[in-house]
Protein backbone atom coordinates (compact mmCIF):
# COMPACT_ATOMS: atom_id res chain seq x y z
CA MET A 1 3.14 -11.44 34.97
CA ASN A 2 2.63 -11.66 31.26
CA ILE A 3 5.00 -9.28 29.65
CA SER A 4 3.71 -9.92 26.14
CA TYR A 5 0.26 -8.87 27.36
CA TYR A 6 1.62 -5.52 28.79
CA ASN A 7 3.66 -4.99 25.73
CA ASN A 8 0.81 -5.44 23.51
CA LEU A 9 -1.48 -3.26 25.74
CA THR A 10 1.27 -0.55 25.68
CA TYR A 11 1.48 -0.46 21.99
CA ASP A 12 -2.24 -0.19 21.77
CA PHE A 13 -2.28 2.93 24.28
CA ILE A 14 0.54 4.54 22.15
CA LEU A 15 -1.20 4.12 18.84
CA THR A 16 -4.52 5.38 20.27
CA GLY A 17 -2.80 8.42 21.77
CA ARG A 18 -3.05 7.39 25.33
CA LEU A 19 0.54 8.07 26.50
CA GLU A 20 -0.11 8.23 30.16
CA GLU A 21 -1.73 4.79 30.18
CA ALA A 22 1.01 3.70 27.90
CA PHE A 23 3.58 4.96 30.58
CA ASN A 24 1.75 3.07 33.31
CA ALA A 25 1.72 -0.14 31.30
CA LEU A 26 5.36 0.25 30.76
CA GLU A 27 5.88 0.62 34.64
CA GLU A 28 4.22 -2.65 34.88
CA ILE A 29 6.77 -4.21 32.65
CA PHE A 30 9.70 -2.57 34.39
CA ASN A 31 8.46 -3.57 37.85
CA GLU A 32 9.02 -7.35 36.87
CA ARG A 33 11.86 -8.58 38.93
CA ASP A 34 15.19 -9.22 36.95
CA PHE A 35 13.78 -7.69 33.90
CA ASP A 36 16.47 -7.11 31.24
CA ILE A 37 15.11 -4.97 28.30
CA HIS A 38 18.08 -5.95 26.17
CA LYS A 39 16.38 -9.60 26.13
CA HIS A 40 13.31 -8.46 24.71
CA LEU A 41 13.66 -6.51 21.45
CA SER A 42 9.85 -6.28 21.09
CA ILE A 43 9.58 -4.34 24.26
CA MET A 44 12.55 -2.04 23.08
CA ASP A 45 10.59 -1.56 19.85
CA THR A 46 7.57 -0.51 21.88
CA ILE A 47 9.63 1.90 24.09
CA ALA A 48 11.23 3.45 21.00
CA THR A 49 7.75 3.89 19.53
CA PHE A 50 6.52 5.47 22.71
CA GLU A 51 9.62 7.88 22.69
CA PHE A 52 8.77 8.70 19.07
CA TYR A 53 5.27 9.69 20.10
CA LYS A 54 6.49 11.73 22.89
CA GLY A 55 8.63 13.69 20.49
CA ASN A 56 11.92 12.33 21.82
CA PHE A 57 13.18 11.52 18.46
CA GLU A 58 16.84 11.19 19.47
CA LYS A 59 16.21 8.68 22.15
CA SER A 60 13.85 6.83 19.98
CA GLN A 61 16.37 6.76 17.04
CA LYS A 62 19.07 5.33 19.43
CA LEU A 63 16.75 2.54 20.52
CA PHE A 64 15.76 1.72 16.91
CA GLU A 65 19.42 1.68 15.91
CA GLU A 66 20.08 -0.78 18.65
CA ILE A 67 17.21 -3.17 17.73
CA ILE A 68 18.14 -3.03 13.99
CA SER A 69 21.73 -3.83 14.92
CA ALA A 70 20.74 -6.69 16.86
CA GLN A 71 18.83 -8.31 14.22
CA SER A 72 21.19 -10.28 11.98
CA LYS A 73 18.94 -11.00 9.02
CA ASN A 74 15.51 -9.68 9.00
CA LYS A 75 15.10 -5.97 10.10
CA PRO A 76 11.84 -5.19 12.00
CA VAL A 77 9.56 -3.30 9.75
CA THR A 78 8.17 -1.09 12.39
CA CYS A 79 11.66 -0.01 13.35
CA LEU A 80 12.40 0.76 9.84
CA TYR A 81 9.13 2.57 9.45
CA PHE A 82 9.65 4.80 12.57
CA PHE A 83 13.25 5.31 11.84
CA SER A 84 12.31 6.68 8.31
CA GLN A 85 9.78 9.03 10.00
CA ILE A 86 12.57 10.29 12.22
CA TYR A 87 14.62 11.04 9.17
CA ILE A 88 11.69 12.97 7.67
CA LYS A 89 11.11 14.91 10.84
CA ASN A 90 15.05 15.89 10.65
CA GLY A 91 14.45 16.94 7.02
CA ASN A 92 16.30 13.92 5.53
CA THR A 93 13.34 12.66 3.15
CA ILE A 94 15.79 11.09 0.58
CA GLU A 95 17.43 8.76 3.54
CA ALA A 96 13.84 8.01 4.62
CA ILE A 97 12.73 6.91 1.15
CA ASN A 98 15.89 4.74 0.68
CA LEU A 99 15.23 3.15 3.99
CA LEU A 100 11.69 2.23 3.10
CA LYS A 101 12.75 1.06 -0.40
CA ASN A 102 14.90 -1.43 1.43
CA ILE A 103 12.22 -3.21 3.26
CA ASP A 104 12.08 -6.77 1.94
CA MET A 105 8.46 -7.23 1.71
CA SER A 106 8.87 -11.05 1.14
CA LYS A 107 9.93 -11.25 4.77
CA VAL A 108 6.92 -9.12 6.26
CA GLU A 109 4.53 -11.08 8.34
CA TYR A 110 0.97 -10.36 8.21
């Protein structure tokens, strides 16, 4: 099975509001034998984003924190963006702005 394919497919479903289909695609990933989520930060990012869109902000935040702490140099921009959105939803706009200001645009890949 191509985990990257299902991860990208899941992210597409999330961003287009098709959360049930996203859940089904995630199941395909987790059905993979000997799958360890902690070895796949991109999938953790997708799951954290999925939880964000489901409204599970606390669970989403914990996953994003784990991803950010696992990255020693470059912090994933999507994590920082969604983390800032969680701050906003929790009424902490100043912290969200500070987080977004700290994104090093020179390290963003397009």
